[in-house]
Structures are given as C-alpha cells and as structure tokens.
C-alpha atoms as a PDB file:
ATOM      1  CA  UNK A   1      65.220-121.691 191.072  1.00  0.00           C
ATOM      2  CA  UNK A   2      62.275-123.683 190.026  1.00  0.00           C
ATOM      3  CA  UNK A   3      61.026-124.957 186.972  1.00  0.00           C
ATOM      4  CA  UNK A   4      58.867-123.399 186.994  1.00  0.00           C
ATOM      5  CA  UNK A   5      60.309-120.054 187.511  1.00  0.00           C
ATOM      6  CA  UNK A   6      62.733-120.944 184.924  1.00  0.00           C
ATOM      7  CA  UNK A   7      59.850-121.836 182.188  1.00  0.00           C
ATOM      8  CA  UNK A   8      58.376-118.361 183.128  1.00  0.00           C
ATOM      9  CA  UNK A   9      61.400-116.869 182.453  1.00  0.00           C
ATOM     10  CA  UNK A  10      61.811-118.197 178.653  1.00  0.00           C
ATOM     11  CA  UNK A  11      58.096-117.147 178.310  1.00  0.00           C
ATOM     12  CA  UNK A  12      59.261-113.823 178.855  1.00  0.00           C
ATOM     13  CA  UNK A  13      62.088-113.800 176.695  1.00  0.00           C
ATOM     14  CA  UNK A  14      59.631-114.972 174.145  1.00  0.00           C
ATOM     15  CA  UNK A  15      57.676-112.098 174.711  1.00  0.00           C
ATOM     16  CA  UNK A  16      60.331-109.309 175.126  1.00  0.00           C
ATOM     17  CA  UNK A  17      61.919-111.021 172.089  1.00  0.00           C
ATOM     18  CA  UNK A  18      58.677-110.209 169.591  1.00  0.00           C
ATOM     19  CA  UNK A  19      58.477-106.727 170.737  1.00  0.00           C
ATOM     20  CA  UNK A  20      61.175-106.561 167.910  1.00  0.00           C
ATOM     21  CA  UNK A  21      58.826-108.129 165.595  1.00  0.00           C
ATOM     22  CA  UNK A  22      56.090-106.931 165.964  1.00  0.00           C
ATOM     23  CA  UNK A  23      58.427-103.001 166.091  1.00  0.00           C
ATOM     24  CA  UNK A  24      59.319-103.980 162.513  1.00  0.00           C
ATOM     25  CA  UNK A  25      55.407-104.949 161.526  1.00  0.00           C
ATOM     26  CA  UNK A  26      53.965-101.819 163.208  1.00  0.00           C
ATOM     27  CA  UNK A  27      56.765 -98.751 162.454  1.00  0.00           C
ATOM     28  CA  UNK A  28      56.242 -98.507 159.213  1.00  0.00           C
ATOM     29  CA  UNK A  29      52.641 -97.602 159.060  1.00  0.00           C
ATOM     30  CA  UNK A  30      52.298 -95.875 162.279  1.00  0.00           C
ATOM     31  CA  UNK A  31      55.587 -94.263 161.733  1.00  0.00           C
ATOM     32  CA  UNK A  32      58.082 -94.317 165.411  1.00  0.00           C
ATOM     33  CA  UNK A  33      56.537 -92.009 167.546  1.00  0.00           C
ATOM     34  CA  UNK A  34      52.944 -93.084 166.971  1.00  0.00           C
ATOM     35  CA  UNK A  35      53.926 -96.485 167.337  1.00  0.00           C
ATOM     36  CA  UNK A  36      55.311 -96.070 170.925  1.00  0.00           C
ATOM     37  CA  UNK A  37      52.754 -93.386 172.126  1.00  0.00           C
ATOM     38  CA  UNK A  38      50.035 -95.975 171.507  1.00  0.00           C
ATOM     39  CA  UNK A  39      51.910 -98.431 172.963  1.00  0.00           C
ATOM     40  CA  UNK A  40      52.976 -96.934 176.333  1.00  0.00           C
ATOM     41  CA  UNK A  41      48.941 -95.550 176.748  1.00  0.00           C
ATOM     42  CA  UNK A  42      47.662 -98.971 176.284  1.00  0.00           C
ATOM     43  CA  UNK A  43      50.383-100.441 178.304  1.00  0.00           C
ATOM     44  CA  UNK A  44      50.054 -98.401 181.077  1.00  0.00           C
ATOM     45  CA  UNK A  45      46.105 -98.544 180.957  1.00  0.00           C
ATOM     46  CA  UNK A  46      46.250-102.420 180.758  1.00  0.00           C
ATOM     47  CA  UNK A  47      48.043-101.796 184.204  1.00  0.00           C
ATOM     48  CA  UNK A  48      46.198 -99.301 185.500  1.00  0.00           C
ATOM     49  CA  UNK A  49      43.328-102.008 187.349  1.00  0.00           C
ATOM     50  CA  UNK A  50      45.789-103.926 188.578  1.00  0.00           C
ATOM     51  CA  UNK A  51      47.717-101.413 190.420  1.00  0.00           C
ATOM     52  CA  UNK A  52      44.863-100.297 191.498  1.00  0.00           C
ATOM     53  CA  UNK A  53      43.312-103.744 192.963  1.00  0.00           C
ATOM     54  CA  UNK A  54      46.733-104.529 194.739  1.00  0.00           C
ATOM     55  CA  UNK A  55      48.570-101.497 195.691  1.00  0.00           C
ATOM     56  CA  UNK A  56      47.686 -99.945 199.449  1.00  0.00           C
ATOM     57  CA  UNK A  57      46.673 -96.694 200.199  1.00  0.00           C
ATOM     58  CA  UNK A  58      50.185 -96.356 201.557  1.00  0.00           C
ATOM     59  CA  UNK A  59      51.674 -96.787 198.163  1.00  0.00           C
ATOM     60  CA  UNK A  60      49.581 -94.877 196.478  1.00  0.00           C
ATOM     61  CA  UNK A  61      50.410 -91.957 198.407  1.00  0.00           C
ATOM     62  CA  UNK A  62      54.373 -92.512 197.760  1.00  0.00           C
ATOM     63  CA  UNK A  63      53.307 -92.517 193.886  1.00  0.00           C
ATOM     64  CA  UNK A  64      51.944 -88.626 193.971  1.00  0.00           C
ATOM     65  CA  UNK A  65      55.166 -88.184 196.055  1.00  0.00           C
ATOM     66  CA  UNK A  66      57.456 -89.375 193.767  1.00  0.00           C
ATOM     67  CA  UNK A  67      56.009 -88.056 190.306  1.00  0.00           C
ATOM     68  CA  UNK A  68      58.371 -86.222 189.296  1.00  0.00           C
ATOM     69  CA  UNK A  69      61.288 -89.557 189.658  1.00  0.00           C
ATOM     70  CA  UNK A  70      58.512 -92.219 187.991  1.00  0.00           C
ATOM     71  CA  UNK A  71      58.115 -88.797 185.507  1.00  0.00           C
ATOM     72  CA  UNK A  72      61.975 -89.294 184.863  1.00  0.00           C
ATOM     73  CA  UNK A  73      62.002 -93.031 184.733  1.00  0.00           C
ATOM     74  CA  UNK A  74      59.303 -93.521 181.958  1.00  0.00           C
ATOM     75  CA  UNK A  75      61.340 -90.486 180.124  1.00  0.00           C
ATOM     76  CA  UNK A  76      64.254 -92.569 180.112  1.00  0.00           C
ATOM     77  CA  UNK A  77      62.907 -96.066 180.565  1.00  0.00           C
ATOM     78  CA  UNK A  78      60.262 -96.360 178.098  1.00  0.00           C
ATOM     79  CA  UNK A  79      59.723 -93.586 176.186  1.00  0.00           C
ATOM     80  CA  UNK A  80      62.642 -92.367 174.164  1.00  0.00           C
ATOM     81  CA  UNK A  81      64.511 -96.348 174.458  1.00  0.00           C
ATOM     82  CA  UNK A  82      61.065 -97.628 172.792  1.00  0.00           C
ATOM     83  CA  UNK A  83      61.591 -94.347 170.526  1.00  0.00           C
ATOM     84  CA  UNK A  84      64.644 -95.455 169.650  1.00  0.00           C
ATOM     85  CA  UNK A  85      64.441 -98.550 168.617  1.00  0.00           C
ATOM     86  CA  UNK A  86      61.217 -98.630 166.514  1.00  0.00           C
ATOM     87  CA  UNK A  87      62.989 -96.158 164.012  1.00  0.00           C
ATOM     88  CA  UNK A  88      65.615 -98.136 164.408  1.00  0.00           C
ATOM     89  CA  UNK A  89      63.392-101.270 163.172  1.00  0.00           C
ATOM     90  CA  UNK A  90      63.005 -98.998 160.248  1.00  0.00           C
ATOM     91  CA  UNK A  91      66.385 -99.514 158.381  1.00  0.00           C
ATOM     92  CA  UNK A  92      67.871-102.748 160.178  1.00  0.00           C
ATOM     93  CA  UNK A  93      66.397-106.286 160.986  1.00  0.00           C
ATOM     94  CA  UNK A  94      64.506-106.539 165.403  1.00  0.00           C
ATOM     95  CA  UNK A  95      67.530-109.520 165.271  1.00  0.00           C
ATOM     96  CA  UNK A  96      70.485-106.797 165.624  1.00  0.00           C
ATOM     97  CA  UNK A  97      68.132-104.417 167.646  1.00  0.00           C
ATOM     98  CA  UNK A  98      67.693-107.267 170.029  1.00  0.00           C
ATOM     99  CA  UNK A  99      71.371-108.227 170.579  1.00  0.00           C
ATOM    100  CA  UNK A 100      72.336-104.358 170.628  1.00  0.00           C
ATOM    101  CA  UNK A 101      69.420-104.558 173.690  1.00  0.00           C
ATOM    102  CA  UNK A 102      71.066-107.674 175.185  1.00  0.00           C
ATOM    103  CA  UNK A 103      74.109-104.865 176.322  1.00  0.00           C
ATOM    104  CA  UNK A 104      71.939-102.715 178.948  1.00  0.00           C
ATOM    105  CA  UNK A 105      72.876-105.029 181.856  1.00  0.00           C
ATOM    106  CA  UNK A 106      76.740-104.406 180.451  1.00  0.00           C
ATOM    107  CA  UNK A 107      75.293-100.040 180.262  1.00  0.00           C
ATOM    108  CA  UNK A 108      73.583-100.384 183.740  1.00  0.00           C
ATOM    109  CA  UNK A 109      76.916-102.127 185.290  1.00  0.00           C
ATOM    110  CA  UNK A 110      78.891 -98.902 183.807  1.00  0.00           C
ATOM    111  CA  UNK A 111      76.702 -96.269 184.817  1.00  0.00           C
ATOM    112  CA  UNK A 112      76.447 -97.655 188.776  1.00  0.00           C
ATOM    113  CA  UNK A 113      80.601 -97.772 188.805  1.00  0.00           C
ATOM    114  CA  UNK A 114      80.480 -94.588 186.938  1.00  0.00           C
ATOM    115  CA  UNK A 115      77.576 -92.459 189.370  1.00  0.00           C
ATOM    116  CA  UNK A 116      77.247 -94.421 192.502  1.00  0.00           C
ATOM    117  CA  UNK A 117      80.659 -95.582 192.211  1.00  0.00           C
ATOM    118  CA  UNK A 118      79.658 -99.349 192.812  1.00  0.00           C
ATOM    119  CA  UNK A 119      83.539-101.584 193.009  1.00  0.00           C
ATOM    120  CA  UNK A 120      83.290-103.281 188.957  1.00  0.00           C
ATOM    121  CA  UNK A 121      85.464-106.920 189.989  1.00  0.00           C
ATOM    122  CA  UNK A 122      88.051-108.196 186.860  1.00  0.00           C
ATOM    123  CA  UNK A 123      85.537-110.130 185.088  1.00  0.00           C
ATOM    124  CA  UNK A 124      83.197-106.791 185.083  1.00  0.00           C
ATOM    125  CA  UNK A 125      85.718-104.681 183.678  1.00  0.00           C
ATOM    126  CA  UNK A 126      86.964-107.762 180.387  1.00  0.00           C
ATOM    127  CA  UNK A 127      83.327-107.950 180.088  1.00  0.00           C
ATOM    128  CA  UNK A 128      82.999-104.754 178.811  1.00  0.00           C
ATOM    129  CA  UNK A 129      86.326-105.311 176.238  1.00  0.00           C
ATOM    130  CA  UNK A 130      84.090-108.502 175.251  1.00  0.00           C
ATOM    131  CA  UNK A 131      81.081-106.574 175.195  1.00  0.00           C
ATOM    132  CA  UNK A 132      82.748-103.899 173.059  1.00  0.00           C
ATOM    133  CA  UNK A 133      83.762-106.025 170.239  1.00  0.00           C
ATOM    134  CA  UNK A 134      81.442-108.112 170.456  1.00  0.00           C
ATOM    135  CA  UNK A 135      78.859-104.460 169.163  1.00  0.00           C
ATOM    136  CA  UNK A 136      81.871-104.200 166.718  1.00  0.00           C
ATOM    137  CA  UNK A 137      81.697-107.862 165.428  1.00  0.00           C
ATOM    138  CA  UNK A 138      77.517-107.163 165.159  1.00  0.00           C
ATOM    139  CA  UNK A 139      78.119-104.027 162.895  1.00  0.00           C
ATOM    140  CA  UNK A 140      80.353-104.636 160.995  1.00  0.00           C
ATOM    141  CA  UNK A 141      78.440-106.780 158.573  1.00  0.00           C
ATOM    142  CA  UNK A 142      75.970-103.954 158.301  1.00  0.00           C
ATOM    143  CA  UNK A 143      77.905-101.048 157.790  1.00  0.00           C
ATOM    144  CA  UNK A 144      80.203-102.750 155.637  1.00  0.00           C
ATOM    145  CA  UNK A 145      77.358-102.869 152.745  1.00  0.00           C
ATOM    146  CA  UNK A 146      76.175 -98.489 152.951  1.00  0.00           C
ATOM    147  CA  UNK A 147      72.532 -97.478 153.431  1.00  0.00           C
ATOM    148  CA  UNK A 148      70.895 -94.681 153.874  1.00  0.00           C
ATOM    149  CA  UNK A 149      69.433 -94.391 157.117  1.00  0.00           C
ATOM    150  CA  UNK A 150      71.365 -97.606 158.412  1.00  0.00           C
ATOM    151  CA  UNK A 151      73.947 -96.376 160.842  1.00  0.00           C
ATOM    152  CA  UNK A 152      71.918 -93.980 162.285  1.00  0.00           C
ATOM    153  CA  UNK A 153      69.603 -96.529 163.019  1.00  0.00           C
ATOM    154  CA  UNK A 154      72.368 -98.905 164.639  1.00  0.00           C
ATOM    155  CA  UNK A 155      73.782 -95.965 166.253  1.00  0.00           C
ATOM    156  CA  UNK A 156      69.950 -95.195 167.588  1.00  0.00           C
ATOM    157  CA  UNK A 157      69.822 -99.308 168.798  1.00  0.00           C
ATOM    158  CA  UNK A 158      73.013 -98.775 170.666  1.00  0.00           C
ATOM    159  CA  UNK A 159      72.098 -96.082 172.226  1.00  0.00           C
ATOM    160  CA  UNK A 160      68.551 -97.720 173.943  1.00  0.00           C
ATOM    161  CA  UNK A 161      70.411 -99.156 176.164  1.00  0.00           C
ATOM    162  CA  UNK A 162      72.899 -97.111 178.287  1.00  0.00           C
ATOM    163  CA  UNK A 163      69.190 -95.471 178.854  1.00  0.00           C
ATOM    164  CA  UNK A 164      67.894 -98.560 180.180  1.00  0.00           C
ATOM    165  CA  UNK A 165      70.923 -98.339 181.983  1.00  0.00           C
ATOM    166  CA  UNK A 166      70.732 -94.985 183.684  1.00  0.00           C
ATOM    167  CA  UNK A 167      66.898 -95.544 184.310  1.00  0.00           C
ATOM    168  CA  UNK A 168      67.826 -98.705 186.501  1.00  0.00           C
ATOM    169  CA  UNK A 169      70.493 -97.100 188.389  1.00  0.00           C
ATOM    170  CA  UNK A 170      68.166 -93.945 188.466  1.00  0.00           C
ATOM    171  CA  UNK A 171      65.215 -96.368 189.788  1.00  0.00           C
ATOM    172  CA  UNK A 172      67.610 -97.833 192.389  1.00  0.00           C
ATOM    173  CA  UNK A 173      69.003 -95.125 193.954  1.00  0.00           C
ATOM    174  CA  UNK A 174      65.784 -92.916 193.793  1.00  0.00           C
ATOM    175  CA  UNK A 175      62.496 -95.001 193.744  1.00  0.00           C
ATOM    176  CA  UNK A 176      63.577 -97.753 195.943  1.00  0.00           C
ATOM    177  CA  UNK A 177      60.493 -97.183 198.378  1.00  0.00           C
ATOM    178  CA  UNK A 178      58.166 -96.920 195.687  1.00  0.00           C
ATOM    179  CA  UNK A 179      56.610-100.774 194.548  1.00  0.00           C
ATOM    180  CA  UNK A 180      57.647-102.354 191.696  1.00  0.00           C
ATOM    181  CA  UNK A 181      54.038-101.738 190.272  1.00  0.00           C
ATOM    182  CA  UNK A 182      53.537 -98.179 190.741  1.00  0.00           C
ATOM    183  CA  UNK A 183      56.619 -97.373 188.747  1.00  0.00           C
ATOM    184  CA  UNK A 184      55.786-100.038 185.509  1.00  0.00           C
ATOM    185  CA  UNK A 185      52.245 -98.609 185.435  1.00  0.00           C
ATOM    186  CA  UNK A 186      52.919 -95.091 186.078  1.00  0.00           C
ATOM    187  CA  UNK A 187      56.631 -94.973 184.439  1.00  0.00           C
ATOM    188  CA  UNK A 188      54.224 -96.087 181.162  1.00  0.00           C
ATOM    189  CA  UNK A 189      51.530 -93.602 181.932  1.00  0.00           C
ATOM    190  CA  UNK A 190      54.474 -90.998 182.133  1.00  0.00           C
ATOM    191  CA  UNK A 191      55.740 -91.756 179.155  1.00  0.00           C
ATOM    192  CA  UNK A 192      52.988 -91.540 176.893  1.00  0.00           C
ATOM    193  CA  UNK A 193      52.461 -87.890 178.372  1.00  0.00           C
ATOM    194  CA  UNK A 194      55.846 -86.812 177.182  1.00  0.00           C
ATOM    195  CA  UNK A 195      55.338 -87.938 173.633  1.00  0.00           C
ATOM    196  CA  UNK A 196      50.971 -86.925 173.327  1.00  0.00           C
ATOM    197  CA  UNK A 197      52.576 -83.321 172.444  1.00  0.00           C
ATOM    198  CA  UNK A 198      54.553 -85.002 169.761  1.00  0.00           C
ATOM    199  CA  UNK A 199      51.545 -86.937 167.828  1.00  0.00           C
ATOM    200  CA  UNK A 200      50.456 -83.217 166.625  1.00  0.00           C
ATOM    201  CA  UNK A 201      53.711 -83.378 164.340  1.00  0.00           C
ATOM    202  CA  UNK A 202      54.201 -87.151 163.787  1.00  0.00           C
ATOM    203  CA  UNK A 203      50.529 -88.319 163.056  1.00  0.00           C
ATOM    204  CA  UNK A 204      50.419 -91.351 160.609  1.00  0.00           C
ATOM    205  CA  UNK A 205      49.360 -89.981 156.913  1.00  0.00           C
ATOM    206  CA  UNK A 206      46.522 -92.152 156.139  1.00  0.00           C
ATOM    207  CA  UNK A 207      44.968 -95.010 158.602  1.00  0.00           C
ATOM    208  CA  UNK A 208      47.242 -97.951 159.321  1.00  0.00           C
ATOM    209  CA  UNK A 209      46.033-100.685 158.685  1.00  0.00           C
ATOM    210  CA  UNK A 210      44.144-104.090 160.404  1.00  0.00           C
ATOM    211  CA  UNK A 211      47.886-106.128 160.410  1.00  0.00           C
ATOM    212  CA  UNK A 212      49.607-103.037 161.905  1.00  0.00           C
ATOM    213  CA  UNK A 213      46.610-102.874 164.629  1.00  0.00           C
ATOM    214  CA  UNK A 214      46.886-106.057 165.465  1.00  0.00           C
ATOM    215  CA  UNK A 215      50.689-105.704 165.623  1.00  0.00           C
ATOM    216  CA  UNK A 216      50.776-102.731 168.227  1.00  0.00           C
ATOM    217  CA  UNK A 217      48.003-104.102 170.381  1.00  0.00           C
ATOM    218  CA  UNK A 218      51.111-107.613 170.834  1.00  0.00           C
ATOM    219  CA  UNK A 219      52.977-105.300 171.691  1.00  0.00           C
ATOM    220  CA  UNK A 220      51.374-103.316 174.288  1.00  0.00           C
ATOM    221  CA  UNK A 221      49.032-105.811 175.703  1.00  0.00           C
ATOM    222  CA  UNK A 222      51.557-109.340 175.822  1.00  0.00           C
ATOM    223  CA  UNK A 223      55.420-107.335 175.280  1.00  0.00           C
ATOM    224  CA  UNK A 224      54.624-104.541 178.064  1.00  0.00           C
ATOM    225  CA  UNK A 225      51.657-104.837 180.317  1.00  0.00           C
ATOM    226  CA  UNK A 226      51.939-108.298 180.589  1.00  0.00           C
ATOM    227  CA  UNK A 227      55.662-108.452 180.672  1.00  0.00           C
ATOM    228  CA  UNK A 228      55.944-106.458 183.130  1.00  0.00           C
ATOM    229  CA  UNK A 229      53.150-108.451 185.246  1.00  0.00           C
ATOM    230  CA  UNK A 230      55.494-111.456 184.859  1.00  0.00           C
ATOM    231  CA  UNK A 231      58.967-109.980 185.082  1.00  0.00           C
ATOM    232  CA  UNK A 232      57.572-108.471 188.488  1.00  0.00           C
ATOM    233  CA  UNK A 233      56.638-111.447 190.079  1.00  0.00           C
ATOM    234  CA  UNK A 234      59.418-112.965 188.874  1.00  0.00           C
ATOM    235  CA  UNK A 235      61.918-110.372 190.626  1.00  0.00           C
ATOM    236  CA  UNK A 236      59.577-111.049 194.329  1.00  0.00           C
ATOM    237  CA  UNK A 237      59.969-114.707 193.772  1.00  0.00           C
ATOM    238  CA  UNK A 238      63.714-115.225 192.601  1.00  0.00           C
ATOM    239  CA  UNK A 239      65.430-112.148 193.185  1.00  0.00           C
ATOM    240  CA  UNK A 240      67.579-109.664 190.665  1.00  0.00           C
ATOM    241  CA  UNK A 241      70.021-111.354 189.963  1.00  0.00           C
ATOM    242  CA  UNK A 242      67.775-114.623 189.002  1.00  0.00           C
ATOM    243  CA  UNK A 243      65.586-113.051 186.478  1.00  0.00           C
ATOM    244  CA  UNK A 244      68.077-110.546 185.007  1.00  0.00           C
ATOM    245  CA  UNK A 245      68.915-113.750 183.690  1.00  0.00           C
ATOM    246  CA  UNK A 246      65.896-113.191 181.238  1.00  0.00           C
ATOM    247  CA  UNK A 247      68.045-110.726 179.187  1.00  0.00           C
ATOM    248  CA  UNK A 248      70.175-113.504 177.497  1.00  0.00           C
ATOM    249  CA  UNK A 249      67.267-115.015 176.385  1.00  0.00           C
ATOM    250  CA  UNK A 250      66.510-111.687 174.324  1.00  0.00           C
ATOM    251  CA  UNK A 251      68.577-111.726 171.346  1.00  0.00           C
ATOM    252  CA  UNK A 252      67.738-115.409 170.680  1.00  0.00           C
ATOM    253  CA  UNK A 253      64.119-114.862 170.287  1.00  0.00           C
ATOM    254  CA  UNK A 254      64.557-111.684 168.537  1.00  0.00           C
ATOM    255  CA  UNK A 255      66.386-113.074 166.173  1.00  0.00           C
ATOM    256  CA  UNK A 256      63.768-116.205 166.271  1.00  0.00           C
ATOM    257  CA  UNK A 257      60.646-114.802 165.753  1.00  0.00           C
ATOM    258  CA  UNK A 258      62.391-112.670 162.377  1.00  0.00           C
ATOM    259  CA  UNK A 259      63.417-115.100 160.896  1.00  0.00           C
ATOM    260  CA  UNK A 260      60.166-117.665 161.165  1.00  0.00           C
ATOM    261  CA  UNK A 261      57.464-114.414 160.594  1.00  0.00           C
ATOM    262  CA  UNK A 262      59.281-112.399 158.295  1.00  0.00           C
ATOM    263  CA  UNK A 263      61.901-113.476 156.854  1.00  0.00           C
ATOM    264  CA  UNK A 264      64.479-111.831 158.209  1.00  0.00           C
ATOM    265  CA  UNK A 265      68.556-113.254 157.623  1.00  0.00           C
ATOM    266  CA  UNK A 266      70.234-114.500 160.353  1.00  0.00           C
ATOM    267  CA  UNK A 267      73.923-113.202 159.131  1.00  0.00           C
ATOM    268  CA  UNK A 268      76.846-115.595 160.736  1.00  0.00           C
ATOM    269  CA  UNK A 269      78.306-112.497 161.975  1.00  0.00           C
ATOM    270  CA  UNK A 270      75.186-111.709 164.042  1.00  0.00           C
ATOM    271  CA  UNK A 271      75.380-114.612 165.516  1.00  0.00           C
ATOM    272  CA  UNK A 272      79.494-114.283 166.339  1.00  0.00           C
ATOM    273  CA  UNK A 273      77.710-110.613 167.422  1.00  0.00           C
ATOM    274  CA  UNK A 274      75.696-111.986 169.768  1.00  0.00           C
ATOM    275  CA  UNK A 275      77.446-114.980 171.444  1.00  0.00           C
ATOM    276  CA  UNK A 276      80.482-112.409 172.099  1.00  0.00           C
ATOM    277  CA  UNK A 277      78.134-109.565 173.559  1.00  0.00           C
ATOM    278  CA  UNK A 278      75.958-112.362 175.960  1.00  0.00           C
ATOM    279  CA  UNK A 279      79.367-113.616 177.084  1.00  0.00           C
ATOM    280  CA  UNK A 280      80.333-109.604 177.561  1.00  0.00           C
ATOM    281  CA  UNK A 281      77.464-109.257 179.331  1.00  0.00           C
ATOM    282  CA  UNK A 282      77.895-112.758 181.655  1.00  0.00           C
ATOM    283  CA  UNK A 283      80.777-111.344 182.678  1.00  0.00           C
ATOM    284  CA  UNK A 284      79.823-107.635 183.706  1.00  0.00           C
ATOM    285  CA  UNK A 285      76.902-108.669 185.429  1.00  0.00           C
ATOM    286  CA  UNK A 286      78.723-112.039 187.452  1.00  0.00           C
ATOM    287  CA  UNK A 287      76.727-114.841 185.619  1.00  0.00           C
ATOM    288  CA  UNK A 288      80.365-116.065 185.088  1.00  0.00           C
ATOM    289  CA  UNK A 289      83.362-114.684 186.360  1.00  0.00           C
ATOM    290  CA  UNK A 290      87.547-115.357 185.381  1.00  0.00           C
ATOM    291  CA  UNK A 291      87.910-117.497 188.390  1.00  0.00           C
ATOM    292  CA  UNK A 292      85.307-120.057 187.409  1.00  0.00           C
ATOM    293  CA  UNK A 293      86.255-120.242 184.094  1.00  0.00           C
ATOM    294  CA  UNK A 294      90.611-120.643 184.858  1.00  0.00           C
ATOM    295  CA  UNK A 295      89.357-123.012 187.361  1.00  0.00           C
ATOM    296  CA  UNK A 296      87.272-125.209 183.953  1.00  0.00           C
ATOM    297  CA  UNK A 297      90.199-124.992 182.504  1.00  0.00           C
ATOM    298  CA  UNK A 298      93.123-126.433 184.614  1.00  0.00           C
END
C-alpha cells in the first residue's frame, strides 16, 4: 500500500468520522427522517452524473436487472441505519455513535458465519467476545446516568452496524456482478425512495437554520458522495481487506471532531471502550491474529 493510499484512507476516515458531527448539528432542526431523506437524495443526485459518465451500457443493463436487490441494499445499508444513527444523535454524542459504528466488521463476520457458513478462526471468536465487552464498557458510563431516550438511542446506534453487516454480505452474495459505483449510486436513490413517503409525517415544523443546512450539505456531498467515490476507488486499488482498515480510524475522528467543534466530552470509559472494540474488530477481520500475539510475547 503506497503512501498516497494511506493518506487517502486517513482522509476517508476523517470524512466518515465527520458525518457524526454533521448529524449532531443538523438533526435537532430537521429531525431524523427528513435529514436522512435529504442526505441520501442529494448524495444520489451528486453520484448520478459520475455513474452516467463512467459506466458502460452493460453496467446500466445490470442495474435494471438487479434493481430489486439494489433497493434492498439501499434499505439495509443506508435508509434504516442512517435514520437510526441520526435519531441517536439527539441523545448521545457523535463520538459514542462513531465507536459503536466501528463494530460493523464484527457484525459482518457474524452474519457471514451464520448465513454463508463462512469459517471463523479462533481469533474471530475471541474478537467477538472482546468486541462485545468493549461495547459494554463503552455504554456503561452512559447508562449509569439515566436520561429519557438515551437507552433507546444506544440500542439504535448499536443496531445500525448489524444492518451494515447484513447489507455487506447480501451485496457480495447477490450483487457480485454489479459495479461498486452502480450500487453506491442507486442504493442512495433507493434509500431516498424508501423514506420519501414518511416525509408527510416527519417534515420539520419550521425552516432549519443556515447552519443546519450547511451541515446537511456537508453530510450529503462530502461524507456520502465524495466518500463513496474515494472508497470504491481504494477498493479497486488496494482491495477490500486493506480498505476496510478505514473502520479503525472512524471512531477516532468521530470523537475528535465532536470534541473540537461542539465541545463533546471524551470520557475515560469512551477511550477504554474504543480501544477494546477496535482490538476485537482487528481480531475478527484478521488484521491481528492470536498466533501473531503469542509470537510477539515469546
């Protein structure tokens, strides 16, 4: 992996980490449904020209053939998890949500094991246990101080990565012959179609402020459209195993941006929980293996 690729991975993690900051700023004024509807709609519209210019006639035909499956991916990978995270931002910090988001590779491995009969090594099993302990440590501070809606918000943020894990395995199983750019573009369009009927009940009661609109645009264009384009280019250059290491940096940036720009607190339990979750994720994804640890200690 070149220095250029490493720099791009850091930039990508910074963008995805910033999504939690922008949601935290915008969701109190837009509401979760309206904010995410606008996010995926704008992101899809920004990606469409790139898709039109880069994809071949055969690729466009495959989009038409696989439209129902792409719709499912849009529902599981964008519409529902984005709304869950946006809702949780009303009650918990973006840093905590970003750390919980870091469990996505763990859930992906569990789903692959249960659904696709993918073999799990000892490192993976230990990683699942370690990751679960990390989540317990992470949320223990928050649950110790009861607040209305906080428990449900934590459940929402913890559930969203499970949907990412299901969507990732569904995509690899059902959409292997569809280009990554096509899936990215039309999953956003599908997510927008899924959420559109709900706007009738969840439109903002008053016009959001300029600050909230700017946060929405940054969320849609930078953290979704631009980030997707970067990620899929990295996938092509360095492969999925290396590209997924971006997951390890997102919690760091999610916590950092929240602390720098909106004075979110970074507690000792958050740092400890993040370290445990990331270690568990590294074991599950194979970045670290138990055999390697024993060799280093000997």
